[in-house]
């Protein structure tokens, strides 16, 4: 009889633990959904800092502070629209307003990171909101040398 009580208690503890675990997952899922909903819309770049790693040389830095984007990068700030169906597009314009490129892809939230998938691959961004701004940080292959060792830190502002 004593053994049956212990088995019953252990089963009860296991059931309670699994229920609390499901609640935590659903809370995390709710947070991800809220973060996704906050991202839906059109955003434009306001600042950028990229540190590109160089073998045996000093790192190369590309910096465009707020208000300097066009002067430094010689293009209009990139406009990225995140859609509710998990697709996005980033539009690039010349300084005189002519569209020069559009990148299309899919996006989703995974383990607190924004994942953006394009034809050139998958990139993970840490991101945080500050009012109508969002800051994205990542380690990626900015310089096209085939090694994801460049540090990206960019801020975008909501357009709509």
N, C-alpha and C. Protein backbone atom coordinates (compact mmCIF):
# COMPACT_ATOMS: atom_id res chain seq x y z
N UNK A 1 0.82 -1.19 0.00
CA UNK A 1 0.00 0.00 0.00
C UNK A 1 0.87 1.26 0.00
N UNK A 2 1.94 1.24 0.77
CA UNK A 2 2.83 2.39 0.86
C UNK A 2 3.44 2.73 -0.51
N UNK A 3 3.83 1.71 -1.27
CA UNK A 3 4.42 1.89 -2.60
C UNK A 3 3.40 2.51 -3.56
N UNK A 4 2.14 2.13 -3.48
CA UNK A 4 1.11 2.68 -4.35
C UNK A 4 0.94 4.18 -4.12
N UNK A 5 1.05 4.63 -2.86
CA UNK A 5 0.94 6.06 -2.57
C UNK A 5 2.08 6.83 -3.22
N UNK A 6 3.30 6.29 -3.15
CA UNK A 6 4.45 6.96 -3.75
C UNK A 6 4.31 7.04 -5.27
N UNK A 7 3.82 5.99 -5.88
CA UNK A 7 3.62 6.00 -7.33
C UNK A 7 2.56 7.05 -7.68
N UNK A 8 1.48 7.10 -6.91
CA UNK A 8 0.43 8.08 -7.16
C UNK A 8 0.97 9.51 -7.00
N UNK A 9 1.77 9.75 -5.98
CA UNK A 9 2.35 11.07 -5.75
C UNK A 9 3.30 11.45 -6.89
N UNK A 10 4.13 10.50 -7.30
CA UNK A 10 5.06 10.78 -8.41
C UNK A 10 4.31 11.10 -9.70
N UNK A 11 3.24 10.34 -9.95
CA UNK A 11 2.43 10.62 -11.15
C UNK A 11 1.80 12.01 -11.07
N UNK A 12 1.30 12.38 -9.90
CA UNK A 12 0.69 13.69 -9.71
C UNK A 12 1.73 14.80 -9.93
N UNK A 13 2.92 14.61 -9.37
CA UNK A 13 3.98 15.61 -9.55
C UNK A 13 4.33 15.75 -11.02
N UNK A 14 4.43 14.62 -11.72
CA UNK A 14 4.76 14.66 -13.14
C UNK A 14 3.68 15.40 -13.93
N UNK A 15 2.42 15.14 -13.65
CA UNK A 15 1.32 15.82 -14.34
C UNK A 15 1.37 17.32 -14.05
N UNK A 16 1.56 17.71 -12.78
CA UNK A 16 1.64 19.12 -12.44
C UNK A 16 2.81 19.80 -13.12
N UNK A 17 3.96 19.13 -13.18
CA UNK A 17 5.14 19.69 -13.83
C UNK A 17 4.88 19.90 -15.32
N UNK A 18 4.29 18.93 -15.97
CA UNK A 18 4.04 19.06 -17.40
C UNK A 18 3.04 20.18 -17.67
N UNK A 19 2.07 20.36 -16.80
CA UNK A 19 1.11 21.46 -16.97
C UNK A 19 1.80 22.81 -16.83
N UNK A 20 2.68 22.94 -15.84
CA UNK A 20 3.38 24.22 -15.65
C UNK A 20 4.33 24.46 -16.81
N UNK A 21 4.93 23.43 -17.36
CA UNK A 21 5.82 23.56 -18.50
C UNK A 21 5.04 24.04 -19.72
N UNK A 22 3.85 23.51 -19.94
CA UNK A 22 3.01 23.96 -21.05
C UNK A 22 2.63 25.42 -20.90
N UNK A 23 2.36 25.85 -19.67
CA UNK A 23 2.02 27.26 -19.44
C UNK A 23 3.20 28.15 -19.79
N UNK A 24 4.41 27.75 -19.43
CA UNK A 24 5.59 28.54 -19.75
C UNK A 24 5.77 28.63 -21.26
N UNK A 25 5.61 27.52 -21.96
CA UNK A 25 5.74 27.54 -23.41
C UNK A 25 4.69 28.46 -24.01
N UNK A 26 3.47 28.40 -23.52
CA UNK A 26 2.43 29.22 -24.11
C UNK A 26 2.69 30.69 -23.81
N UNK A 27 3.27 31.02 -22.65
CA UNK A 27 3.63 32.41 -22.34
C UNK A 27 4.73 32.87 -23.29
N UNK A 28 5.72 32.01 -23.54
CA UNK A 28 6.80 32.33 -24.47
C UNK A 28 6.24 32.53 -25.88
N UNK A 29 5.32 31.65 -26.28
CA UNK A 29 4.69 31.78 -27.60
C UNK A 29 3.94 33.10 -27.69
N UNK A 30 3.25 33.50 -26.63
CA UNK A 30 2.52 34.76 -26.63
C UNK A 30 3.48 35.94 -26.79
N UNK A 31 4.65 35.87 -26.12
CA UNK A 31 5.64 36.93 -26.25
C UNK A 31 6.18 37.00 -27.67
N UNK A 32 6.43 35.84 -28.29
CA UNK A 32 6.91 35.81 -29.67
C UNK A 32 5.87 36.42 -30.61
N UNK A 33 4.60 36.08 -30.41
CA UNK A 33 3.53 36.62 -31.25
C UNK A 33 3.47 38.14 -31.10
N UNK A 34 3.60 38.64 -29.87
CA UNK A 34 3.57 40.08 -29.65
C UNK A 34 4.76 40.75 -30.35
N UNK A 35 5.94 40.14 -30.25
CA UNK A 35 7.13 40.70 -30.90
C UNK A 35 6.95 40.69 -32.41
N UNK A 36 6.35 39.62 -32.95
CA UNK A 36 6.09 39.55 -34.39
C UNK A 36 5.12 40.64 -34.81
N UNK A 37 4.04 40.80 -34.06
CA UNK A 37 3.04 41.81 -34.40
C UNK A 37 3.64 43.21 -34.36
N UNK A 38 4.54 43.47 -33.41
CA UNK A 38 5.19 44.78 -33.33
C UNK A 38 6.06 45.06 -34.55
N UNK A 39 6.60 44.01 -35.15
CA UNK A 39 7.52 44.18 -36.28
C UNK A 39 6.78 44.39 -37.61
N UNK A 40 5.54 43.93 -37.70
CA UNK A 40 4.79 44.05 -38.96
C UNK A 40 4.61 45.54 -39.31
N UNK A 41 4.97 45.86 -40.55
CA UNK A 41 4.90 47.23 -41.03
C UNK A 41 6.15 47.58 -41.81
N UNK A 42 6.28 48.86 -42.14
CA UNK A 42 7.42 49.33 -42.92
C UNK A 42 8.38 50.11 -42.04
N UNK A 43 9.65 49.79 -42.18
CA UNK A 43 10.73 50.39 -41.38
C UNK A 43 11.78 50.94 -42.33
N UNK A 44 12.46 51.98 -41.90
CA UNK A 44 13.55 52.54 -42.69
C UNK A 44 14.79 52.73 -41.82
N UNK A 45 15.94 52.51 -42.41
CA UNK A 45 17.20 52.61 -41.67
C UNK A 45 17.48 54.05 -41.28
N UNK A 46 18.02 54.23 -40.06
CA UNK A 46 18.46 55.55 -39.64
C UNK A 46 19.94 55.56 -39.28
N UNK A 47 20.49 54.42 -38.85
CA UNK A 47 21.91 54.38 -38.54
C UNK A 47 22.44 52.97 -38.76
N UNK A 48 23.77 52.89 -38.89
CA UNK A 48 24.40 51.62 -39.20
C UNK A 48 25.84 51.65 -38.69
N UNK A 49 26.27 50.54 -38.12
CA UNK A 49 27.67 50.35 -37.75
C UNK A 49 28.02 48.91 -38.10
N UNK A 50 28.96 48.75 -39.03
CA UNK A 50 29.42 47.42 -39.41
C UNK A 50 30.92 47.37 -39.21
N UNK A 51 31.37 46.38 -38.45
CA UNK A 51 32.80 46.16 -38.26
C UNK A 51 33.17 44.88 -38.99
N UNK A 52 33.99 45.05 -40.05
CA UNK A 52 34.38 43.91 -40.87
C UNK A 52 35.76 43.43 -40.44
N UNK A 53 35.84 42.16 -40.13
CA UNK A 53 37.09 41.56 -39.68
C UNK A 53 38.05 41.40 -40.86
N UNK A 54 39.28 41.75 -40.64
CA UNK A 54 40.33 41.61 -41.66
C UNK A 54 41.46 40.76 -41.07
N UNK A 55 41.87 39.76 -41.81
CA UNK A 55 42.98 38.92 -41.37
C UNK A 55 44.28 39.73 -41.44
N UNK A 56 45.02 39.70 -40.36
CA UNK A 56 46.33 40.34 -40.28
C UNK A 56 46.31 41.84 -40.55
N UNK A 57 45.16 42.45 -40.56
CA UNK A 57 45.05 43.89 -40.77
C UNK A 57 44.07 44.44 -39.75
N UNK A 58 44.02 45.75 -39.66
CA UNK A 58 43.06 46.40 -38.77
C UNK A 58 41.65 46.21 -39.33
N UNK A 59 40.67 46.00 -38.45
CA UNK A 59 39.29 45.85 -38.87
C UNK A 59 38.84 47.09 -39.65
N UNK A 60 37.95 46.87 -40.59
CA UNK A 60 37.38 47.95 -41.38
C UNK A 60 36.02 48.30 -40.80
N UNK A 61 35.73 49.58 -40.65
CA UNK A 61 34.48 50.02 -40.03
C UNK A 61 33.68 50.87 -41.01
N UNK A 62 32.40 50.57 -41.13
CA UNK A 62 31.47 51.37 -41.90
C UNK A 62 30.46 51.94 -40.92
N UNK A 63 30.40 53.26 -40.82
CA UNK A 63 29.50 53.89 -39.85
C UNK A 63 28.70 54.98 -40.54
N UNK A 64 27.38 54.90 -40.36
CA UNK A 64 26.48 55.96 -40.81
C UNK A 64 25.60 56.31 -39.60
N UNK A 65 25.95 57.42 -38.95
CA UNK A 65 25.15 57.87 -37.81
C UNK A 65 23.84 58.46 -38.32
N UNK A 66 22.90 58.63 -37.40
CA UNK A 66 21.60 59.19 -37.78
C UNK A 66 21.81 60.53 -38.49
N UNK A 67 21.15 60.70 -39.63
CA UNK A 67 21.28 61.92 -40.42
C UNK A 67 22.41 61.87 -41.44
N UNK A 68 23.24 60.80 -41.42
CA UNK A 68 24.38 60.69 -42.33
C UNK A 68 24.22 59.57 -43.37
N UNK A 69 23.09 58.87 -43.35
CA UNK A 69 22.93 57.68 -44.19
C UNK A 69 23.25 57.96 -45.66
N UNK A 70 22.59 58.95 -46.24
CA UNK A 70 22.76 59.24 -47.67
C UNK A 70 24.18 59.69 -48.00
N UNK A 71 24.75 60.51 -47.14
CA UNK A 71 26.10 61.03 -47.36
C UNK A 71 27.13 59.90 -47.33
N UNK A 72 26.99 58.98 -46.38
CA UNK A 72 27.97 57.90 -46.21
C UNK A 72 27.75 56.76 -47.20
N UNK A 73 26.50 56.32 -47.36
CA UNK A 73 26.22 55.12 -48.16
C UNK A 73 25.85 55.41 -49.62
N UNK A 74 25.60 56.70 -49.94
CA UNK A 74 25.30 57.13 -51.31
C UNK A 74 24.03 56.48 -51.87
N UNK A 75 23.10 56.10 -50.99
CA UNK A 75 21.77 55.63 -51.36
C UNK A 75 20.78 56.16 -50.33
N UNK A 76 19.49 56.11 -50.67
CA UNK A 76 18.45 56.46 -49.69
C UNK A 76 18.43 55.37 -48.61
N UNK A 77 17.93 55.68 -47.43
CA UNK A 77 17.78 54.63 -46.41
C UNK A 77 16.92 53.48 -46.93
N UNK A 78 17.32 52.27 -46.63
CA UNK A 78 16.61 51.07 -47.09
C UNK A 78 15.25 51.00 -46.40
N UNK A 79 14.21 50.65 -47.16
CA UNK A 79 12.86 50.50 -46.61
C UNK A 79 12.52 49.01 -46.58
N UNK A 80 12.28 48.49 -45.39
CA UNK A 80 11.95 47.07 -45.24
C UNK A 80 10.53 46.95 -44.71
N UNK A 81 9.71 46.15 -45.41
CA UNK A 81 8.33 45.91 -44.99
C UNK A 81 8.19 44.46 -44.56
N UNK A 82 7.78 44.27 -43.29
CA UNK A 82 7.49 42.94 -42.75
C UNK A 82 5.99 42.73 -42.83
N UNK A 83 5.57 41.68 -43.54
CA UNK A 83 4.16 41.37 -43.72
C UNK A 83 3.70 40.32 -42.72
N UNK A 84 2.40 40.31 -42.43
CA UNK A 84 1.81 39.36 -41.47
C UNK A 84 1.92 37.91 -41.95
N UNK A 85 2.11 37.69 -43.25
CA UNK A 85 2.23 36.32 -43.77
C UNK A 85 3.67 35.80 -43.71
N UNK A 86 4.52 36.48 -42.93
CA UNK A 86 5.93 36.10 -42.72
C UNK A 86 6.81 36.31 -43.94
N UNK A 87 6.39 37.17 -44.87
CA UNK A 87 7.25 37.56 -45.97
C UNK A 87 7.72 38.99 -45.73
N UNK A 88 8.80 39.37 -46.41
CA UNK A 88 9.28 40.74 -46.31
C UNK A 88 9.92 41.13 -47.64
N UNK A 89 10.06 42.43 -47.82
CA UNK A 89 10.87 42.93 -48.91
C UNK A 89 11.63 44.15 -48.42
N UNK A 90 12.85 44.29 -48.90
CA UNK A 90 13.69 45.45 -48.62
C UNK A 90 13.95 46.16 -49.94
N UNK A 91 13.59 47.44 -50.00
CA UNK A 91 13.73 48.21 -51.23
C UNK A 91 14.87 49.21 -51.10
N UNK A 92 15.67 49.27 -52.16
CA UNK A 92 16.86 50.12 -52.21
C UNK A 92 16.65 51.16 -53.30
N UNK A 93 16.91 52.44 -52.98
CA UNK A 93 16.70 53.54 -53.91
C UNK A 93 17.98 54.37 -54.05
N UNK A 94 18.20 54.88 -55.26
CA UNK A 94 19.31 55.80 -55.48
C UNK A 94 18.99 57.12 -54.79
N UNK A 95 19.99 58.00 -54.74
CA UNK A 95 19.78 59.30 -54.10
C UNK A 95 18.72 60.13 -54.81
N UNK A 96 18.51 59.89 -56.12
CA UNK A 96 17.47 60.64 -56.84
C UNK A 96 16.12 59.91 -56.86
N UNK A 97 15.99 58.85 -56.04
CA UNK A 97 14.69 58.20 -55.85
C UNK A 97 14.36 57.06 -56.80
N UNK A 98 15.31 56.64 -57.63
CA UNK A 98 15.06 55.52 -58.55
C UNK A 98 15.29 54.20 -57.81
N UNK A 99 14.33 53.28 -57.94
CA UNK A 99 14.49 51.97 -57.30
C UNK A 99 15.62 51.22 -57.99
N UNK A 100 16.59 50.76 -57.18
CA UNK A 100 17.74 50.06 -57.76
C UNK A 100 17.76 48.57 -57.44
N UNK A 101 17.03 48.14 -56.40
CA UNK A 101 17.02 46.72 -56.05
C UNK A 101 15.91 46.46 -55.03
N UNK A 102 15.40 45.24 -55.05
CA UNK A 102 14.47 44.78 -54.02
C UNK A 102 14.88 43.37 -53.62
N UNK A 103 15.01 43.16 -52.32
CA UNK A 103 15.32 41.83 -51.79
C UNK A 103 14.05 41.28 -51.17
N UNK A 104 13.70 40.04 -51.51
CA UNK A 104 12.51 39.39 -50.98
C UNK A 104 12.93 38.22 -50.10
N UNK A 105 12.07 37.90 -49.12
CA UNK A 105 12.37 36.74 -48.29
C UNK A 105 11.26 36.44 -47.31
N UNK A 106 11.59 35.55 -46.38
CA UNK A 106 10.68 35.17 -45.31
C UNK A 106 11.32 35.57 -43.98
N UNK A 107 10.47 35.79 -42.97
CA UNK A 107 10.97 36.14 -41.65
C UNK A 107 10.14 35.44 -40.59
N UNK A 108 10.75 35.21 -39.42
CA UNK A 108 10.05 34.66 -38.27
C UNK A 108 10.90 34.89 -37.03
N UNK A 109 10.26 34.71 -35.87
CA UNK A 109 10.95 34.82 -34.59
C UNK A 109 11.29 33.40 -34.12
N UNK A 110 12.54 33.21 -33.73
CA UNK A 110 12.99 31.91 -33.25
C UNK A 110 13.95 32.13 -32.09
N UNK A 111 13.59 31.62 -30.91
CA UNK A 111 14.45 31.75 -29.73
C UNK A 111 14.89 33.20 -29.50
N UNK A 112 13.96 34.11 -29.50
CA UNK A 112 14.20 35.54 -29.26
C UNK A 112 15.00 36.22 -30.37
N UNK A 113 15.23 35.57 -31.49
CA UNK A 113 15.94 36.19 -32.61
C UNK A 113 15.00 36.36 -33.79
N UNK A 114 15.27 37.41 -34.57
CA UNK A 114 14.59 37.56 -35.84
C UNK A 114 15.40 36.77 -36.86
N UNK A 115 14.74 35.89 -37.59
CA UNK A 115 15.40 35.13 -38.65
C UNK A 115 14.89 35.67 -39.97
N UNK A 116 15.82 36.03 -40.85
CA UNK A 116 15.46 36.51 -42.19
C UNK A 116 16.11 35.57 -43.20
N UNK A 117 15.27 34.99 -44.05
CA UNK A 117 15.72 34.03 -45.06
C UNK A 117 15.55 34.65 -46.44
N UNK A 118 16.67 34.77 -47.17
CA UNK A 118 16.65 35.27 -48.55
C UNK A 118 17.36 34.25 -49.42
N UNK A 119 17.44 34.53 -50.71
CA UNK A 119 18.13 33.61 -51.61
C UNK A 119 19.61 33.47 -51.26
N UNK A 120 20.17 34.46 -50.56
CA UNK A 120 21.58 34.37 -50.18
C UNK A 120 21.80 33.67 -48.85
N UNK A 121 20.72 33.27 -48.17
CA UNK A 121 20.89 32.51 -46.93
C UNK A 121 20.04 33.01 -45.79
N UNK A 122 20.32 32.45 -44.62
CA UNK A 122 19.55 32.74 -43.41
C UNK A 122 20.41 33.57 -42.46
N UNK A 123 19.84 34.66 -41.93
CA UNK A 123 20.55 35.51 -40.98
C UNK A 123 19.71 35.65 -39.72
N UNK A 124 20.38 35.54 -38.57
CA UNK A 124 19.74 35.68 -37.26
C UNK A 124 20.12 37.04 -36.68
N UNK A 125 19.12 37.79 -36.22
CA UNK A 125 19.35 39.10 -35.62
C UNK A 125 18.81 39.12 -34.19
N UNK A 126 19.61 39.62 -33.27
CA UNK A 126 19.07 40.01 -31.96
C UNK A 126 18.40 41.34 -32.21
N UNK A 127 17.23 41.55 -31.60
CA UNK A 127 16.56 42.84 -31.83
C UNK A 127 15.84 43.28 -30.59
N UNK A 128 15.73 44.61 -30.47
CA UNK A 128 15.02 45.19 -29.34
C UNK A 128 14.32 46.46 -29.78
N UNK A 129 13.13 46.66 -29.22
CA UNK A 129 12.32 47.83 -29.53
C UNK A 129 12.62 48.94 -28.55
N UNK A 130 12.55 50.18 -29.05
CA UNK A 130 12.62 51.36 -28.20
C UNK A 130 11.65 52.36 -28.81
N UNK A 131 10.39 52.26 -28.41
CA UNK A 131 9.35 53.11 -28.99
C UNK A 131 9.10 52.75 -30.43
N UNK A 132 9.26 53.72 -31.35
CA UNK A 132 9.02 53.46 -32.77
C UNK A 132 10.32 53.07 -33.50
N UNK A 133 11.32 52.68 -32.73
CA UNK A 133 12.60 52.25 -33.30
C UNK A 133 12.87 50.80 -32.94
N UNK A 134 13.65 50.16 -33.79
CA UNK A 134 14.08 48.80 -33.50
C UNK A 134 15.57 48.71 -33.85
N UNK A 135 16.31 48.07 -32.97
CA UNK A 135 17.76 47.90 -33.17
C UNK A 135 18.03 46.44 -33.49
N UNK A 136 18.77 46.20 -34.57
CA UNK A 136 19.13 44.86 -35.01
C UNK A 136 20.63 44.67 -34.87
N UNK A 137 21.03 43.53 -34.29
CA UNK A 137 22.45 43.20 -34.19
C UNK A 137 22.66 41.77 -34.66
N UNK A 138 23.78 41.56 -35.36
CA UNK A 138 24.06 40.23 -35.89
C UNK A 138 25.54 40.09 -36.23
N UNK A 139 25.97 38.86 -36.34
CA UNK A 139 27.27 38.56 -36.92
C UNK A 139 26.98 37.90 -38.25
N UNK A 140 27.49 38.50 -39.33
CA UNK A 140 27.15 38.03 -40.67
C UNK A 140 28.32 38.26 -41.63
N UNK A 141 28.12 37.89 -42.87
CA UNK A 141 29.15 38.08 -43.89
C UNK A 141 28.82 39.33 -44.70
N UNK A 142 29.10 40.50 -44.15
CA UNK A 142 28.79 41.78 -44.80
C UNK A 142 29.72 42.02 -45.99
N UNK A 143 31.00 41.67 -45.83
CA UNK A 143 31.99 41.99 -46.85
C UNK A 143 32.09 40.95 -47.97
N UNK A 144 31.29 39.89 -47.90
CA UNK A 144 31.25 38.91 -48.97
C UNK A 144 32.47 38.03 -49.10
N UNK A 145 33.23 37.87 -48.01
CA UNK A 145 34.44 37.03 -48.08
C UNK A 145 34.16 35.56 -47.78
N UNK A 146 32.88 35.23 -47.57
CA UNK A 146 32.51 33.84 -47.31
C UNK A 146 32.58 33.44 -45.85
N UNK A 147 32.94 34.39 -44.97
CA UNK A 147 33.05 34.10 -43.54
C UNK A 147 32.11 35.03 -42.78
N UNK A 148 31.22 34.46 -41.98
CA UNK A 148 30.28 35.27 -41.19
C UNK A 148 30.99 35.75 -39.92
N UNK A 149 31.82 36.81 -40.08
CA UNK A 149 32.60 37.32 -38.96
C UNK A 149 32.49 38.84 -38.81
N UNK A 150 31.54 39.46 -39.49
CA UNK A 150 31.37 40.90 -39.46
C UNK A 150 30.23 41.26 -38.51
N UNK A 151 30.45 42.27 -37.68
CA UNK A 151 29.47 42.67 -36.67
C UNK A 151 28.59 43.78 -37.23
N UNK A 152 27.28 43.53 -37.26
CA UNK A 152 26.29 44.46 -37.78
C UNK A 152 25.47 45.01 -36.62
N UNK A 153 25.26 46.33 -36.60
CA UNK A 153 24.43 46.99 -35.60
C UNK A 153 23.70 48.12 -36.30
N UNK A 154 22.39 47.93 -36.50
CA UNK A 154 21.62 48.93 -37.24
C UNK A 154 20.33 49.28 -36.52
N UNK A 155 19.91 50.53 -36.71
CA UNK A 155 18.66 51.02 -36.11
C UNK A 155 17.72 51.43 -37.25
N UNK A 156 16.47 51.04 -37.10
CA UNK A 156 15.43 51.41 -38.06
C UNK A 156 14.29 52.08 -37.31
N UNK A 157 13.55 52.93 -38.04
CA UNK A 157 12.41 53.62 -37.46
C UNK A 157 11.16 53.24 -38.25
N UNK A 158 10.05 53.12 -37.53
CA UNK A 158 8.78 52.75 -38.16
C UNK A 158 8.29 53.89 -39.04
N UNK A 159 7.89 53.53 -40.27
CA UNK A 159 7.38 54.52 -41.21
C UNK A 159 5.86 54.61 -41.17
N UNK A 160 5.17 53.52 -40.81
CA UNK A 160 3.70 53.54 -40.80
C UNK A 160 3.16 53.14 -39.46
